[in-house]
Amino acid sequence: MSALSVRPHTVFASSDDRTASAPAEARGIPRDGVRLLVATPERIQHTTFRGIGDFLRRGDMLVVNTSATVPGQLDGHWRGRPVVVHVANGLGDGTRVVELRTAPAAAAPILDASPSELVSLDPGGLVELLQPYPRWGSSPTAMGNRLWRGRVRVADGPAAYLRRHGRPISYGYLKQDYPIEAYQSVFALHAGSAEMPSAGRPFTPGLVARLVAAGVGFAPITLHTGVSSQDAGEAPQEEWFEVAATTADLVNAARRRGGRIVAVGTTATRALESAAGPDGTVSPSSGWTDLVISTERPVRTVGGLVTGWHNPEASHLLLVEAVAGPDLTQQAYDEAVAQGYLWHEFGDSCLLLPSAADGGLSPSR
């Protein structure tokens, strides 16, 4: 997929100095203790994530991603120098989406690789770079290509090799490596995501139980994430998703009763909208989606969003604006920057409810 034809309207300063460099637990707070900014047309409010139920109504439906994160980061050597290798989604022909990044902290993508080159893996094995993914020119710059279709040559197959030797994909802003458990949400059931569907991370079993008891529903989808788009103007890659018949029934019934469909994350939004018809009715669906949600293709079903905070000009911002509108998105980001909210997968959260006031469930905390 080539560069985006539209760019986000939301403008704010780089979040580099507000990055969460460790999981909440490593910072001494529980998962549901991260900060939560709630943005509605009436006002912006601040709380912690465990208070999210105060802003949801009986009959609202939270759509959550059941994809579990797999260890996709390996060390290797390319052209005689150490590199970090990100092994992501498996493709139908047995190849994988591969990214090379600078060692040791994967701080920057390597853009000058060439087809047919080999990357040696530690402690053994090879990755053959076949062709740019998804095609030539799909990198956000003219310097080269960030993602590759690659063949992972290891004795026992890529999945088993990654389970034994891989670690979670991470970047240079983290203090250290963290175990794969830190990258799983309470909803994680189906292995397949190269990077954590992080919007669901702050939920805890206790919080889910309180929300269910208060009449908030949960509808599962699965979308296996690829490697994230860190570069301005780069469109999201194709990702595999599934929306089951039971989820379609739950969402459609909630809409008929007047409940709000609140997607937990951009991944849940992309999956659900990929299964939505022009009138917003959801049908069972699965496969690879290349849907880019923006003002050119607005949301049809999703009416609210739980999300983290995204980098300037990231494609995820287009989706956020499509759900919340550019004005409310800008207000939320201005407030988050002013109040020092933390960015990235271990950071703080946002609840965007663009068309309805809060419902005051006030479940016990």
Protein backbone atom coordinates (compact mmCIF):
# COMPACT_ATOMS: atom_id res chain seq x y z
CA MET A 1 0.00 0.00 0.00
CA SER A 2 1.37 3.41 -0.92
CA ALA A 3 1.46 6.60 1.09
CA LEU A 4 -1.84 7.95 2.35
CA SER A 5 -3.81 10.24 0.06
CA VAL A 6 -5.02 12.26 3.06
CA ARG A 7 -3.29 13.30 6.24
CA PRO A 8 -4.70 13.77 9.76
CA HIS A 9 -5.99 17.21 10.67
CA THR A 10 -4.77 16.89 14.27
CA VAL A 11 -1.53 18.77 14.89
CA PHE A 12 0.58 18.55 18.04
CA ALA A 13 4.20 18.44 19.13
CA SER A 14 6.16 15.19 19.02
CA SER A 15 5.48 12.87 21.95
CA ASP A 16 9.10 11.72 22.34
CA ASP A 17 9.44 13.25 25.82
CA ARG A 18 6.15 11.68 27.00
CA THR A 19 6.80 8.07 26.14
CA ALA A 20 5.91 5.38 28.68
CA SER A 21 9.24 3.58 29.00
CA ALA A 22 7.89 0.66 31.07
CA PRO A 23 4.61 -1.15 31.74
CA ALA A 24 2.33 0.28 34.38
CA GLU A 25 3.17 -2.54 36.81
CA ALA A 26 6.89 -1.74 36.51
CA ARG A 27 6.04 1.87 37.36
CA GLY A 28 4.27 0.80 40.54
CA ILE A 29 0.62 1.10 39.43
CA PRO A 30 -1.92 -1.55 38.42
CA ARG A 31 -2.94 -1.95 34.80
CA ASP A 32 -6.25 -0.16 35.35
CA GLY A 33 -4.47 2.60 37.25
CA VAL A 34 -3.18 4.36 34.12
CA ARG A 35 -4.67 7.75 33.39
CA LEU A 36 -7.81 8.05 31.27
CA LEU A 37 -8.86 11.19 29.42
CA VAL A 38 -12.55 11.20 28.52
CA ALA A 39 -13.54 13.50 25.66
CA THR A 40 -17.17 14.32 24.86
CA PRO A 41 -18.62 17.35 23.05
CA GLU A 42 -19.64 18.75 26.44
CA ARG A 43 -16.27 18.59 28.20
CA ILE A 44 -12.99 16.82 28.76
CA GLN A 45 -12.50 14.97 32.04
CA HIS A 46 -9.60 13.16 33.69
CA THR A 47 -9.75 9.96 35.70
CA THR A 48 -8.02 6.59 35.89
CA PHE A 49 -8.90 3.69 33.64
CA ARG A 50 -10.72 1.83 36.41
CA GLY A 51 -13.29 4.65 36.30
CA ILE A 52 -14.22 4.07 32.64
CA GLY A 53 -17.61 2.69 33.68
CA ASP A 54 -18.65 6.13 34.92
CA PHE A 55 -18.85 7.20 31.28
CA LEU A 56 -20.59 4.17 29.78
CA ARG A 57 -24.29 3.33 29.78
CA ARG A 58 -26.25 0.15 30.30
CA GLY A 59 -26.62 -1.36 26.83
CA ASP A 60 -23.32 -0.02 25.45
CA MET A 61 -21.20 -2.64 23.69
CA LEU A 62 -17.41 -2.74 23.98
CA VAL A 63 -15.75 -4.48 21.01
CA VAL A 64 -12.47 -6.10 22.08
CA ASN A 65 -9.64 -7.78 20.19
CA THR A 66 -8.84 -11.36 21.26
CA SER A 67 -5.55 -11.52 19.35
CA ALA A 68 -2.55 -12.47 21.49
CA THR A 69 0.92 -11.08 20.90
CA VAL A 70 3.61 -13.46 19.64
CA PRO A 71 7.38 -12.99 20.10
CA GLY A 72 8.53 -11.58 16.79
CA GLN A 73 11.88 -9.88 17.51
CA LEU A 74 15.21 -11.56 16.83
CA ASP A 75 18.85 -10.56 16.66
CA GLY A 76 20.75 -11.08 13.45
CA HIS A 77 23.51 -9.92 11.13
CA TRP A 78 23.19 -8.25 7.73
CA ARG A 79 26.08 -7.05 5.57
CA GLY A 80 28.42 -7.91 8.43
CA ARG A 81 26.75 -5.75 11.03
CA PRO A 82 24.27 -6.54 13.81
CA VAL A 83 20.60 -5.80 13.15
CA VAL A 84 17.27 -6.35 14.83
CA VAL A 85 14.88 -8.48 12.79
CA HIS A 86 11.11 -8.12 13.17
CA VAL A 87 9.21 -11.16 11.88
CA ALA A 88 5.52 -10.35 11.53
CA ASN A 89 2.45 -11.72 9.78
CA GLY A 90 2.54 -15.03 7.99
CA LEU A 91 1.38 -14.78 4.38
CA GLY A 92 -0.51 -17.36 2.36
CA ASP A 93 2.54 -18.69 0.52
CA GLY A 94 4.52 -19.46 3.68
CA THR A 95 6.53 -16.24 3.64
CA ARG A 96 6.51 -13.61 6.38
CA VAL A 97 6.43 -9.84 6.58
CA VAL A 98 9.91 -8.83 7.75
CA GLU A 99 11.45 -5.56 8.89
CA LEU A 100 15.13 -4.81 9.55
CA ARG A 101 15.97 -2.21 12.18
CA THR A 102 19.14 -0.81 13.68
CA ALA A 103 20.76 -2.63 16.59
CA PRO A 104 20.66 -2.88 19.50
CA ALA A 105 17.42 -1.03 20.31
CA ALA A 106 15.52 -1.18 16.98
CA ALA A 107 15.43 2.61 17.04
CA ALA A 108 15.24 3.17 13.25
CA PRO A 109 14.20 1.20 10.17
CA ILE A 110 16.83 0.05 7.67
CA LEU A 111 15.74 1.22 4.22
CA ASP A 112 18.58 0.20 1.89
CA ALA A 113 18.25 -3.59 1.78
CA SER A 114 17.92 -5.36 -1.57
CA PRO A 115 16.06 -8.40 -2.90
CA SER A 116 17.77 -11.80 -2.51
CA GLU A 117 19.90 -10.62 0.42
CA LEU A 118 20.29 -12.99 3.36
CA VAL A 119 20.09 -12.07 7.03
CA SER A 120 21.64 -14.53 9.48
CA LEU A 121 19.75 -15.13 12.71
CA ASP A 122 21.11 -15.69 16.19
CA PRO A 123 21.46 -18.49 17.27
CA GLY A 124 20.97 -19.98 13.80
CA GLY A 125 18.90 -19.77 10.64
CA LEU A 126 18.45 -17.32 7.79
CA VAL A 127 15.94 -14.83 6.46
CA GLU A 128 15.91 -14.34 2.69
CA LEU A 129 14.55 -10.96 1.57
CA LEU A 130 12.41 -11.66 -1.48
CA GLN A 131 10.71 -8.40 -2.43
CA PRO A 132 9.39 -5.23 -0.82
CA TYR A 133 6.06 -5.64 0.94
CA PRO A 134 3.50 -5.12 -0.29
CA ARG A 135 5.22 -3.67 -3.36
CA TRP A 136 8.02 -1.37 -4.51
CA GLY A 137 7.47 2.17 -3.31
CA SER A 138 5.35 1.21 -0.31
CA SER A 139 7.86 2.80 2.06
CA PRO A 140 6.98 6.29 3.32
CA THR A 141 10.16 7.74 1.85
CA ALA A 142 12.02 7.60 -1.44
CA MET A 143 15.10 6.20 0.32
CA GLY A 144 14.08 2.56 0.16
CA ASN A 145 11.65 0.06 1.57
CA ARG A 146 10.86 -0.61 5.22
CA LEU A 147 8.93 -3.88 4.99
CA TRP A 148 9.83 -7.03 3.06
CA ARG A 149 8.28 -10.30 2.07
CA GLY A 150 10.83 -12.73 3.47
CA ARG A 151 11.37 -16.46 3.74
CA VAL A 152 12.45 -17.58 7.22
CA ARG A 153 14.74 -20.58 6.82
CA VAL A 154 14.85 -22.43 10.13
CA ALA A 155 14.75 -26.16 10.80
CA ASP A 156 11.55 -26.39 12.87
CA GLY A 157 9.46 -23.69 11.18
CA PRO A 158 9.10 -19.96 11.95
CA ALA A 159 6.38 -20.26 14.60
CA ALA A 160 8.26 -22.75 16.77
CA TYR A 161 11.54 -20.90 16.25
CA LEU A 162 10.00 -17.60 17.38
CA ARG A 163 8.44 -19.21 20.46
CA ARG A 164 11.83 -20.56 21.48
CA HIS A 165 14.19 -17.73 20.49
CA GLY A 166 12.07 -14.63 19.94
CA ARG A 167 11.10 -11.81 22.25
CA PRO A 168 8.30 -9.24 21.94
CA ILE A 169 8.81 -6.57 19.31
CA SER A 170 9.96 -3.39 21.02
CA TYR A 171 11.63 -0.09 20.22
CA GLY A 172 14.33 2.12 21.65
CA TYR A 173 12.09 4.08 24.01
CA LEU A 174 11.70 1.19 26.48
CA LYS A 175 14.00 0.93 29.51
CA GLN A 176 14.58 -2.79 29.00
CA ASP A 177 13.11 -5.94 27.51
CA TYR A 178 9.90 -7.15 29.14
CA PRO A 179 8.41 -10.67 29.05
CA ILE A 180 5.70 -11.64 26.58
CA GLU A 181 3.14 -11.59 29.42
CA ALA A 182 3.53 -7.82 29.63
CA TYR A 183 2.27 -7.61 26.04
CA GLN A 184 -0.96 -9.57 26.54
CA SER A 185 -4.36 -8.17 27.42
CA VAL A 186 -6.97 -9.95 29.53
CA PHE A 187 -8.76 -10.74 26.24
CA ALA A 188 -5.77 -12.41 24.52
CA LEU A 189 -6.77 -15.87 23.29
CA HIS A 190 -5.64 -16.32 19.67
CA ALA A 191 -1.92 -15.99 18.94
CA GLY A 192 -1.02 -13.93 15.90
CA SER A 193 -0.26 -10.25 16.58
CA ALA A 194 3.23 -8.99 15.85
CA GLU A 195 2.60 -6.07 18.20
CA MET A 196 0.25 -5.82 21.15
CA PRO A 197 -3.32 -4.62 20.55
CA SER A 198 -2.59 -2.22 23.37
CA ALA A 199 -5.91 -0.43 23.86
CA GLY A 200 -7.24 -3.43 25.80
CA ARG A 201 -4.23 -3.70 28.10
CA PRO A 202 -5.62 -1.60 30.99
CA PHE A 203 -8.66 -3.85 31.45
CA THR A 204 -8.47 -6.24 34.42
CA PRO A 205 -10.73 -9.20 35.26
CA GLY A 206 -12.25 -7.22 38.12
CA LEU A 207 -13.00 -4.22 35.92
CA VAL A 208 -14.57 -6.42 33.24
CA ALA A 209 -16.77 -8.08 35.88
CA ARG A 210 -17.97 -4.71 37.21
CA LEU A 211 -18.81 -3.47 33.73
CA VAL A 212 -20.75 -6.63 32.88
CA ALA A 213 -22.65 -6.40 36.15
CA ALA A 214 -23.55 -2.80 35.27
CA GLY A 215 -25.01 -3.82 31.91
CA VAL A 216 -22.12 -3.07 29.55
CA GLY A 217 -21.61 -5.79 26.97
CA PHE A 218 -18.45 -7.22 25.42
CA ALA A 219 -18.23 -8.44 21.82
CA PRO A 220 -15.01 -10.17 20.65
CA ILE A 221 -13.30 -9.79 17.30
CA THR A 222 -9.86 -10.99 16.23
CA LEU A 223 -7.40 -8.91 14.23
CA HIS A 224 -3.75 -9.91 14.07
CA THR A 225 -1.65 -6.77 13.99
CA GLY A 226 1.38 -6.24 11.79
CA VAL A 227 4.41 -4.15 12.64
CA SER A 228 3.32 -0.64 13.48
CA SER A 229 3.51 2.30 11.13
CA GLN A 230 6.00 4.62 12.79
CA ASP A 231 6.48 6.90 9.80
CA ALA A 232 4.40 9.87 8.71
CA GLY A 233 2.13 9.23 5.76
CA GLU A 234 2.48 5.44 5.70
CA ALA A 235 -0.80 3.58 5.32
CA PRO A 236 -1.58 0.58 7.54
CA GLN A 237 -0.71 -2.78 6.05
CA GLU A 238 -3.19 -5.56 5.33
CA GLU A 239 -4.12 -7.52 8.45
CA TRP A 240 -6.07 -10.75 9.03
CA PHE A 241 -9.35 -10.41 10.94
CA GLU A 242 -12.44 -12.34 11.93
CA VAL A 243 -15.86 -11.12 13.05
CA ALA A 244 -17.93 -14.11 14.12
CA ALA A 245 -21.69 -14.46 13.72
CA THR A 246 -22.21 -14.16 17.48
CA THR A 247 -20.36 -10.83 17.53
CA ALA A 248 -22.33 -9.54 14.55
CA ASP A 249 -25.55 -10.45 16.38
CA LEU A 250 -24.43 -8.76 19.60
CA VAL A 251 -23.43 -5.53 17.84
CA ASN A 252 -26.54 -5.36 15.66
CA ALA A 253 -28.82 -6.01 18.64
CA ALA A 254 -27.08 -3.32 20.71
CA ARG A 255 -27.51 -0.80 17.90
CA ARG A 256 -31.20 -1.60 17.57
CA ARG A 257 -31.66 -0.98 21.30
CA GLY A 258 -29.85 2.36 21.12
CA GLY A 259 -26.58 1.22 22.71
CA ARG A 260 -23.31 2.76 21.65
CA ILE A 261 -20.73 0.59 19.90
CA VAL A 262 -17.41 1.49 21.52
CA ALA A 263 -14.37 -0.09 19.89
CA VAL A 264 -11.45 -0.89 22.17
CA GLY A 265 -8.62 0.15 19.91
CA THR A 266 -8.00 0.95 16.27
CA THR A 267 -7.66 -2.80 15.61
CA ALA A 268 -11.19 -3.51 16.83
CA THR A 269 -12.46 -0.57 14.80
CA ARG A 270 -10.76 -1.77 11.62
CA ALA A 271 -12.06 -5.31 12.02
CA LEU A 272 -15.64 -4.33 12.81
CA GLU A 273 -15.82 -1.73 10.06
CA SER A 274 -14.43 -4.27 7.59
CA ALA A 275 -17.52 -6.38 8.34
CA ALA A 276 -20.03 -3.48 8.26
CA GLY A 277 -22.39 -2.73 5.41
CA PRO A 278 -23.27 0.78 4.19
CA ASP A 279 -26.08 1.03 6.77
CA GLY A 280 -23.80 -0.08 9.62
CA THR A 281 -25.21 -3.59 9.88
CA VAL A 282 -22.44 -6.06 10.72
CA SER A 283 -22.21 -9.45 8.99
CA PRO A 284 -19.92 -12.38 9.82
CA SER A 285 -16.68 -11.87 7.94
CA SER A 286 -13.04 -12.94 7.91
CA GLY A 287 -9.95 -12.58 5.75
CA TRP A 288 -7.37 -9.93 4.98
CA THR A 289 -8.47 -6.32 5.29
CA ASP A 290 -6.81 -3.34 3.64
CA LEU A 291 -9.46 -0.91 4.89
CA VAL A 292 -8.15 2.56 5.72
CA ILE A 293 -10.70 4.45 7.79
CA SER A 294 -10.62 8.20 7.26
CA THR A 295 -12.85 11.07 6.20
CA GLU A 296 -12.84 9.45 2.76
CA ARG A 297 -14.28 6.23 4.25
CA PRO A 298 -15.93 7.15 7.56
CA VAL A 299 -17.04 4.69 10.21
CA ARG A 300 -20.45 3.09 9.79
CA THR A 301 -20.93 1.19 13.06
CA VAL A 302 -18.45 2.40 15.67
CA GLY A 303 -19.67 5.34 17.74
CA GLY A 304 -16.97 5.58 20.39
CA LEU A 305 -13.35 4.61 20.88
CA VAL A 306 -11.00 3.53 23.65
CA THR A 307 -7.46 4.16 22.45
CA GLY A 308 -3.93 5.07 23.34
CA TRP A 309 -2.08 8.11 22.01
CA HIS A 310 -0.62 8.09 18.51
CA ASN A 311 2.34 9.84 16.93
CA PRO A 312 1.93 13.01 14.84
CA GLU A 313 0.69 12.26 11.29
CA ALA A 314 0.30 8.53 12.05
CA SER A 315 -2.36 6.75 9.99
CA HIS A 316 -4.09 5.75 13.24
CA LEU A 317 -4.99 9.42 13.74
CA LEU A 318 -7.12 9.30 10.59
CA LEU A 319 -9.17 6.53 12.17
CA VAL A 320 -9.47 8.44 15.46
CA GLU A 321 -10.67 11.52 13.58
CA ALA A 322 -13.16 9.42 11.62
CA VAL A 323 -14.73 8.22 14.89
CA ALA A 324 -14.49 11.36 17.02
CA GLY A 325 -14.28 14.13 14.44
CA PRO A 326 -11.25 16.38 13.89
CA ASP A 327 -12.32 19.03 16.41
CA LEU A 328 -12.84 16.68 19.36
CA THR A 329 -9.66 14.77 18.47
CA GLN A 330 -7.67 18.01 18.45
CA GLN A 331 -9.12 19.05 21.81
CA ALA A 332 -8.24 15.68 23.32
CA TYR A 333 -4.65 15.75 22.04
CA ASP A 334 -4.13 19.36 23.13
CA GLU A 335 -5.30 18.46 26.63
CA ALA A 336 -3.24 15.25 26.73
CA VAL A 337 -0.09 17.14 25.78
CA ALA A 338 -0.81 19.90 28.29
CA GLN A 339 -1.44 17.40 31.09
CA GLY A 340 1.58 15.18 30.38
CA TYR A 341 -0.21 11.99 29.37
CA LEU A 342 2.09 9.10 28.47
CA TRP A 343 2.34 7.74 24.92
CA HIS A 344 2.84 4.35 23.25
CA GLU A 345 1.80 0.81 24.16
CA PHE A 346 2.40 1.09 27.91
CA GLY A 347 1.05 4.61 28.17
CA ASP A 348 -2.19 6.27 29.19
CA SER A 349 -5.60 5.96 27.57
CA CYS A 350 -8.39 7.98 26.02
CA LEU A 351 -12.14 7.42 25.74
CA LEU A 352 -13.73 9.35 22.90
CA LEU A 353 -17.53 9.64 22.93
CA PRO A 354 -18.34 12.10 20.15
CA SER A 355 -22.14 12.20 20.13
CA ALA A 356 -23.54 11.47 23.57
CA ALA A 357 -23.07 12.67 27.11
CA ASP A 358 -21.74 10.30 29.74
CA GLY A 359 -24.23 7.90 31.25
CA GLY A 360 -23.10 7.79 34.84
CA LEU A 361 -23.09 4.06 35.49
CA SER A 362 -20.71 4.56 38.39
CA PRO A 363 -19.87 0.89 39.01
CA SER A 364 -18.16 0.23 42.30
CA ARG A 365 -14.37 0.48 42.08
